[in-house]
Every structure is written in C-alpha cells, then in structure tokens.
C-alpha atoms as a PDB file:
ATOM      1  CA  MET A   1       0.006   0.058  -0.055  1.00  0.00           C
ATOM      2  CA  ILE A   2       2.950   2.521   0.885  1.00  0.00           C
ATOM      3  CA  ILE A   3       4.596   1.429  -2.220  1.00  0.00           C
ATOM      4  CA  ASP A   4       1.452   2.326  -4.309  1.00  0.00           C
ATOM      5  CA  ILE A   5       1.449   5.722  -2.833  1.00  0.00           C
ATOM      6  CA  PHE A   6       5.063   6.384  -3.654  1.00  0.00           C
ATOM      7  CA  ARG A   7       4.293   5.037  -7.229  1.00  0.00           C
ATOM      8  CA  LEU A   8       1.480   7.458  -7.691  1.00  0.00           C
ATOM      9  CA  TYR A   9       3.407  10.458  -6.172  1.00  0.00           C
ATOM     10  CA  TYR A  10       6.443   9.589  -8.422  1.00  0.00           C
ATOM     11  CA  LYS A  11       4.025   9.300 -11.337  1.00  0.00           C
ATOM     12  CA  GLY A  12       2.490  12.643 -10.495  1.00  0.00           C
ATOM     13  CA  LEU A  13       5.985  14.314 -10.297  1.00  0.00           C
ATOM     14  CA  LEU A  14       6.884  12.747 -13.598  1.00  0.00           C
ATOM     15  CA  MET A  15       3.855  13.969 -15.211  1.00  0.00           C
ATOM     16  CA  LYS A  16       4.297  17.515 -14.000  1.00  0.00           C
ATOM     17  CA  ARG A  17       8.022  17.395 -15.422  1.00  0.00           C
ATOM     18  CA  LEU A  18       6.763  15.976 -18.732  1.00  0.00           C
ATOM     19  CA  ILE A  19       4.017  18.699 -18.877  1.00  0.00           C
ATOM     20  CA  HIS A  20       6.626  21.490 -18.182  1.00  0.00           C
ATOM     21  CA  LEU A  21       9.029  20.099 -20.772  1.00  0.00           C
ATOM     22  CA  ARG A  22       6.237  19.977 -23.341  1.00  0.00           C
ATOM     23  CA  GLN A  23       5.316  23.607 -22.630  1.00  0.00           C
ATOM     24  CA  MET A  24       8.936  24.621 -22.986  1.00  0.00           C
ATOM     25  CA  ILE A  25       9.258  22.878 -26.281  1.00  0.00           C
ATOM     26  CA  SER A  26       5.964  24.355 -27.514  1.00  0.00           C
ATOM     27  CA  GLY A  27       7.334  27.764 -26.632  1.00  0.00           C
ATOM     28  CA  TRP A  28      10.464  27.159 -28.641  1.00  0.00           C
ATOM     29  CA  VAL A  29       8.420  25.987 -31.615  1.00  0.00           C
ATOM     30  CA  ILE A  30       6.182  29.042 -31.400  1.00  0.00           C
ATOM     31  CA  ALA A  31       9.481  31.381 -31.065  1.00  0.00           C
ATOM     32  CA  GLY A  32      10.849  29.736 -34.174  1.00  0.00           C
ATOM     33  CA  TRP A  33      13.975  28.403 -32.372  1.00  0.00           C
ATOM     34  CA  LEU A  34      12.899  24.646 -32.745  1.00  0.00           C
ATOM     35  CA  ASN A  35      12.369  23.620 -36.305  1.00  0.00           C
ATOM     36  CA  LYS A  36      13.668  20.714 -38.588  1.00  0.00           C
ATOM     37  CA  TYR A  37      16.931  22.386 -39.174  1.00  0.00           C
ATOM     38  CA  SER A  38      17.831  23.109 -35.618  1.00  0.00           C
ATOM     39  CA  VAL A  39      16.774  19.596 -34.517  1.00  0.00           C
ATOM     40  CA  SER A  40      18.900  18.199 -37.347  1.00  0.00           C
ATOM     41  CA  LEU A  41      21.826  20.304 -36.438  1.00  0.00           C
ATOM     42  CA  GLY A  42      21.410  19.311 -32.728  1.00  0.00           C
ATOM     43  CA  LEU A  43      21.311  15.640 -33.588  1.00  0.00           C
ATOM     44  CA  PHE A  44      24.324  15.942 -35.843  1.00  0.00           C
ATOM     45  CA  VAL A  45      26.340  17.681 -33.105  1.00  0.00           C
ATOM     46  CA  VAL A  46      25.333  15.151 -30.463  1.00  0.00           C
ATOM     47  CA  TRP A  47      26.305  12.324 -32.801  1.00  0.00           C
ATOM     48  CA  MET A  48      29.630  13.819 -33.665  1.00  0.00           C
ATOM     49  CA  LEU A  49      30.485  14.499 -30.108  1.00  0.00           C
ATOM     50  CA  PHE A  50      29.534  11.207 -28.491  1.00  0.00           C
ATOM     51  CA  PHE A  51      28.614   8.395 -31.027  1.00  0.00           C
ATOM     52  CA  ASP A  52      30.909   8.898 -34.024  1.00  0.00           C
ATOM     53  CA  LYS A  53      34.072   6.752 -34.455  1.00  0.00           C
ATOM     54  CA  HIS A  54      36.137   9.889 -34.346  1.00  0.00           C
ATOM     55  CA  ASN A  55      34.326  11.626 -31.484  1.00  0.00           C
ATOM     56  CA  PHE A  56      35.520  14.511 -29.500  1.00  0.00           C
ATOM     57  CA  PHE A  57      37.083  12.538 -26.733  1.00  0.00           C
ATOM     58  CA  THR A  58      39.056  10.277 -29.112  1.00  0.00           C
ATOM     59  CA  GLN A  59      40.317  13.250 -31.075  1.00  0.00           C
ATOM     60  CA  TRP A  60      41.256  14.998 -27.706  1.00  0.00           C
ATOM     61  CA  ASN A  61      43.283  11.879 -26.415  1.00  0.00           C
ATOM     62  CA  LEU A  62      44.997  11.548 -29.823  1.00  0.00           C
ATOM     63  CA  ARG A  63      46.052  15.178 -29.826  1.00  0.00           C
ATOM     64  CA  ARG A  64      47.322  14.772 -26.267  1.00  0.00           C
ATOM     65  CA  SER A  65      49.380  11.658 -27.257  1.00  0.00           C
ATOM     66  CA  VAL A  66      50.798  13.534 -30.469  1.00  0.00           C
ATOM     67  CA  ASN A  67      51.951  16.386 -28.315  1.00  0.00           C
ATOM     68  CA  GLN A  68      53.670  13.936 -25.950  1.00  0.00           C
ATOM     69  CA  LEU A  69      55.294  12.251 -28.898  1.00  0.00           C
ATOM     70  CA  GLU A  70      56.601  15.576 -30.241  1.00  0.00           C
ATOM     71  CA  ASN A  71      58.018  16.383 -26.845  1.00  0.00           C
ATOM     72  CA  SER A  72      59.798  13.089 -26.710  1.00  0.00           C
ATOM     73  CA  ILE A  73      61.171  13.720 -30.215  1.00  0.00           C
ATOM     74  CA  GLU A  74      62.756  17.054 -28.981  1.00  0.00           C
ATOM     75  CA  ASP A  75      64.316  15.266 -25.993  1.00  0.00           C
ATOM     76  CA  TYR A  76      65.660  12.538 -28.225  1.00  0.00           C
ATOM     77  CA  GLN A  77      67.178  15.162 -30.554  1.00  0.00           C
ATOM     78  CA  GLN A  78      68.741  16.912 -27.621  1.00  0.00           C
ATOM     79  CA  GLN A  79      70.329  13.595 -26.412  1.00  0.00           C
ATOM     80  CA  LEU A  80      71.437  12.845 -29.979  1.00  0.00           C
ATOM     81  CA  THR A  81      73.404  16.119 -30.234  1.00  0.00           C
ATOM     82  CA  GLU A  82      74.863  15.463 -26.802  1.00  0.00           C
ATOM     83  CA  THR A  83      75.870  12.051 -27.889  1.00  0.00           C
ATOM     84  CA  GLU A  84      77.411  13.212 -31.102  1.00  0.00           C
ATOM     85  CA  ALA A  85      79.374  15.838 -29.205  1.00  0.00           C
ATOM     86  CA  ALA A  86      80.737  13.188 -26.888  1.00  0.00           C
ATOM     87  CA  HIS A  87      81.485  10.865 -29.920  1.00  0.00           C
ATOM     88  CA  GLN A  88      83.396  13.688 -31.685  1.00  0.00           C
ATOM     89  CA  ASP A  89      85.390  14.315 -28.423  1.00  0.00           C
ATOM     90  CA  LEU A  90      86.126  10.557 -28.228  1.00  0.00           C
ATOM     91  CA  MET A  91      87.456  10.432 -31.732  1.00  0.00           C
ATOM     92  CA  LYS A  92      89.723  13.365 -31.186  1.00  0.00           C
ATOM     93  CA  ASN A  93      91.102  12.253 -27.916  1.00  0.00           C
ATOM     94  CA  LYS A  94      91.123   8.533 -27.758  1.00  0.00           C
ATOM     95  CA  GLU A  95      94.061   8.432 -25.446  1.00  0.00           C
ATOM     96  CA  LYS A  96      92.409  10.866 -22.981  1.00  0.00           C
ATOM     97  CA  PHE A  97      89.270   8.753 -22.938  1.00  0.00           C
ATOM     98  CA  ALA A  98      91.189   5.468 -22.420  1.00  0.00           C
ATOM     99  CA  ARG A  99      93.185   6.909 -19.478  1.00  0.00           C
ATOM    100  CA  GLU A 100      90.200   8.439 -17.776  1.00  0.00           C
ATOM    101  CA  LYS A 101      87.413   5.846 -18.279  1.00  0.00           C
ATOM    102  CA  TYR A 102      89.474   2.557 -18.111  1.00  0.00           C
ATOM    103  CA  LEU A 103      92.432   3.954 -16.059  1.00  0.00           C
ATOM    104  CA  MET A 104      94.981   2.796 -18.627  1.00  0.00           C
ATOM    105  CA  HIS A 105      98.653   3.939 -18.361  1.00  0.00           C
ATOM    106  CA  ARG A 106     101.951   3.258 -19.930  1.00  0.00           C
ATOM    107  CA  PRO A 107     104.306   0.737 -18.252  1.00  0.00           C
ATOM    108  CA  ASP A 108     106.797   3.439 -17.177  1.00  0.00           C
ATOM    109  CA  GLU A 109     104.017   5.721 -15.611  1.00  0.00           C
ATOM    110  CA  ASP A 110     102.580   5.629 -12.119  1.00  0.00           C
ATOM    111  CA  LEU A 111      98.764   5.994 -11.758  1.00  0.00           C
ATOM    112  CA  PHE A 112      97.283   8.186  -8.973  1.00  0.00           C
ATOM    113  CA  ILE A 113      93.469   8.061  -8.500  1.00  0.00           C
ATOM    114  CA  PHE A 114      91.961  10.978  -6.660  1.00  0.00           C
ATOM    115  CA  GLN A 115      88.253  10.711  -5.439  1.00  0.00           C
END
C-alpha cells in the first residue's frame, strides 16, 4: 500500500515534469527556435560529439598523445646532439678517453687516483 502511494506520487511528479517540458518545447516552436533544421543540427552535433568513431574525446586523446610524442622527439634530438658531441670528443682524444674511463697507463708511468 505504501509502495502504491510512492508510485502515484512519483508518477505525478513525472507527469508534472513532462508537462513542463512539453510547454517549454512548444514555446520554442512558437518562437521559431525549434524547427527541422535546428533539430537536425542538434542531432548531428550530439552524434559527432559522442557516438561517431572519431568523436571529440578520441580526438582529444589523440591530440594529447601527439603532443607527448613531439615532446619526446625534442628530448631525443637533444640527447642525440649531446651523444654526437661526446662521440666527436672521443674520436679526437682516444688516449684521454682510455686513461680517464678505463684507467689505462703506460708501463713506465705511475697512476694516482683522486676521488
């Protein structure tokens, strides 16, 4: 019995809201805002934003990933220039590299390591 009362109350609220919505729509139709062109445009926009294969959210995620990849390209290019400079230094000073990196020395030299 209590459930029936709640159903009737809810049904009454629902009917009031539907009547209000109907009055708003009829006001828009009379004002000229709601015609077949505006409905078609609205449906098209909703379809493109939410239901299309290339919807707004997919495009936004793709754009974000492209920006991240472009930033990583810049980082890799910077690392590449640093590595090329180190390579050029190595090719010019092979003896310096061997002495510093691998602690190599000639047989008649003494090696002192400072840390």
